[in-house]
Structure formats: structure tokens, C-alpha cells
Amino acid sequence: MNFFKIKTSWSNAEFIVLKISIATAFIFIGGYFHRFFHHYWIPVLILFLITAFWTIHLWVKKLKMENK
């Protein structure tokens, strides 16, 4: 399986979701160690999960369109 050799092109708008997902993951990790973010770990986790699944959906959709 040449999974890592597949090339796709992303627009800047599609990268926004990926960037939000990564940023919320960092906030979630930071929140685990810091009391200020400790009160907000559930909303940050929910935002991370939503954007992570959204990013995966966009990626799979783009792979399917390019490999047709």
C-alpha cells in the first residue's frame, strides 16, 4: 500500500480546519498541566474531536476525487 506516497493539493480554506485541530490539541495538552485551561478542557476536547474528524473527512473526500 502506497499510502504515504499519495499526493493531494489543499487550499488555504481547507487548511484552516487542520490548523484549528492542531491548535486545540496543543491547548488541550497545555490545559492538562495548567489550571487556567483546566476549567475549559471539555469544550477544547470537543472542538478538537470535531475538527479532527472534519479534517479526516475532507482528506478522504479529496483522495477519492483525485484517484478517480
C-alpha atoms as a PDB file:
ATOM      1  CA  MET A   1       0.000   0.000   0.000  1.00  0.00           C
ATOM      2  CA  ASN A   2       1.467   3.318  -1.078  1.00  0.00           C
ATOM      3  CA  PHE A   3      -0.488   5.303   1.474  1.00  0.00           C
ATOM      4  CA  PHE A   4       2.328   7.756   2.238  1.00  0.00           C
ATOM      5  CA  LYS A   5       3.124   8.382  -1.429  1.00  0.00           C
ATOM      6  CA  ILE A   6      -0.338   9.695  -2.348  1.00  0.00           C
ATOM      7  CA  LYS A   7      -0.216  13.383  -3.243  1.00  0.00           C
ATOM      8  CA  THR A   8      -3.083  15.798  -2.704  1.00  0.00           C
ATOM      9  CA  SER A   9      -3.455  19.530  -3.026  1.00  0.00           C
ATOM     10  CA  TRP A  10      -5.097  21.583  -0.306  1.00  0.00           C
ATOM     11  CA  SER A  11      -6.482  25.090  -0.491  1.00  0.00           C
ATOM     12  CA  ASN A  12      -5.859  27.580   2.305  1.00  0.00           C
ATOM     13  CA  ALA A  13      -9.502  27.305   3.385  1.00  0.00           C
ATOM     14  CA  GLU A  14      -9.149  23.555   3.858  1.00  0.00           C
ATOM     15  CA  PHE A  15      -6.003  24.021   5.941  1.00  0.00           C
ATOM     16  CA  ILE A  16      -7.925  26.205   8.423  1.00  0.00           C
ATOM     17  CA  VAL A  17      -9.701  23.142   9.807  1.00  0.00           C
ATOM     18  CA  LEU A  18      -6.401  21.260  10.176  1.00  0.00           C
ATOM     19  CA  LYS A  19      -4.773  24.214  11.906  1.00  0.00           C
ATOM     20  CA  ILE A  20      -7.680  24.578  14.345  1.00  0.00           C
ATOM     21  CA  SER A  21      -7.494  20.869  15.094  1.00  0.00           C
ATOM     22  CA  ILE A  22      -3.766  21.015  15.826  1.00  0.00           C
ATOM     23  CA  ALA A  23      -4.116  24.208  17.870  1.00  0.00           C
ATOM     24  CA  THR A  24      -6.864  22.771  20.044  1.00  0.00           C
ATOM     25  CA  ALA A  25      -4.773  19.648  20.621  1.00  0.00           C
ATOM     26  CA  PHE A  26      -1.930  21.831  21.899  1.00  0.00           C
ATOM     27  CA  ILE A  27      -4.343  23.788  24.107  1.00  0.00           C
ATOM     28  CA  PHE A  28      -5.756  20.521  25.440  1.00  0.00           C
ATOM     29  CA  ILE A  29      -2.277  19.254  26.274  1.00  0.00           C
ATOM     30  CA  GLY A  30      -1.373  22.592  27.851  1.00  0.00           C
ATOM     31  CA  GLY A  31      -4.633  22.598  29.752  1.00  0.00           C
ATOM     32  CA  TYR A  32      -3.797  19.311  31.339  1.00  0.00           C
ATOM     33  CA  PHE A  33      -0.809  20.923  33.024  1.00  0.00           C
ATOM     34  CA  HIS A  34      -2.152  24.417  33.692  1.00  0.00           C
ATOM     35  CA  ARG A  35      -5.034  25.350  35.977  1.00  0.00           C
ATOM     36  CA  PHE A  36      -6.301  28.220  33.793  1.00  0.00           C
ATOM     37  CA  PHE A  37      -7.199  25.904  30.904  1.00  0.00           C
ATOM     38  CA  HIS A  38      -8.207  23.114  33.250  1.00  0.00           C
ATOM     39  CA  HIS A  39     -11.713  24.574  33.532  1.00  0.00           C
ATOM     40  CA  TYR A  40     -12.116  24.564  29.728  1.00  0.00           C
ATOM     41  CA  TRP A  41     -10.756  21.119  28.848  1.00  0.00           C
ATOM     42  CA  ILE A  42     -14.141  19.655  27.848  1.00  0.00           C
ATOM     43  CA  PRO A  43     -15.028  22.346  25.241  1.00  0.00           C
ATOM     44  CA  VAL A  44     -11.475  22.251  23.886  1.00  0.00           C
ATOM     45  CA  LEU A  45     -11.598  18.450  23.620  1.00  0.00           C
ATOM     46  CA  ILE A  46     -14.948  18.619  21.825  1.00  0.00           C
ATOM     47  CA  LEU A  47     -13.598  21.234  19.398  1.00  0.00           C
ATOM     48  CA  PHE A  48     -10.521  19.089  18.769  1.00  0.00           C
ATOM     49  CA  LEU A  49     -12.571  15.969  18.055  1.00  0.00           C
ATOM     50  CA  ILE A  50     -14.920  17.804  15.701  1.00  0.00           C
ATOM     51  CA  THR A  51     -12.110  19.423  13.722  1.00  0.00           C
ATOM     52  CA  ALA A  52     -10.046  16.217  13.656  1.00  0.00           C
ATOM     53  CA  PHE A  53     -12.930  14.216  12.192  1.00  0.00           C
ATOM     54  CA  TRP A  54     -13.746  17.056   9.801  1.00  0.00           C
ATOM     55  CA  THR A  55     -10.135  17.118   8.588  1.00  0.00           C
ATOM     56  CA  ILE A  56     -10.094  13.355   8.062  1.00  0.00           C
ATOM     57  CA  HIS A  57     -13.381  13.577   6.154  1.00  0.00           C
ATOM     58  CA  LEU A  58     -12.034  16.328   3.887  1.00  0.00           C
ATOM     59  CA  TRP A  59      -8.830  14.396   3.289  1.00  0.00           C
ATOM     60  CA  VAL A  60     -10.590  11.140   2.372  1.00  0.00           C
ATOM     61  CA  LYS A  61     -13.033  13.020   0.139  1.00  0.00           C
ATOM     62  CA  LYS A  62     -10.145  14.727  -1.671  1.00  0.00           C
ATOM     63  CA  LEU A  63      -8.303  11.413  -2.081  1.00  0.00           C
ATOM     64  CA  LYS A  64     -11.370   9.821  -3.630  1.00  0.00           C
ATOM     65  CA  MET A  65     -11.853  12.720  -6.052  1.00  0.00           C
ATOM     66  CA  GLU A  66      -8.219  12.744  -7.192  1.00  0.00           C
ATOM     67  CA  ASN A  67      -7.976   8.981  -7.665  1.00  0.00           C
ATOM     68  CA  LYS A  68     -10.989   8.687  -9.969  1.00  0.00           C
END
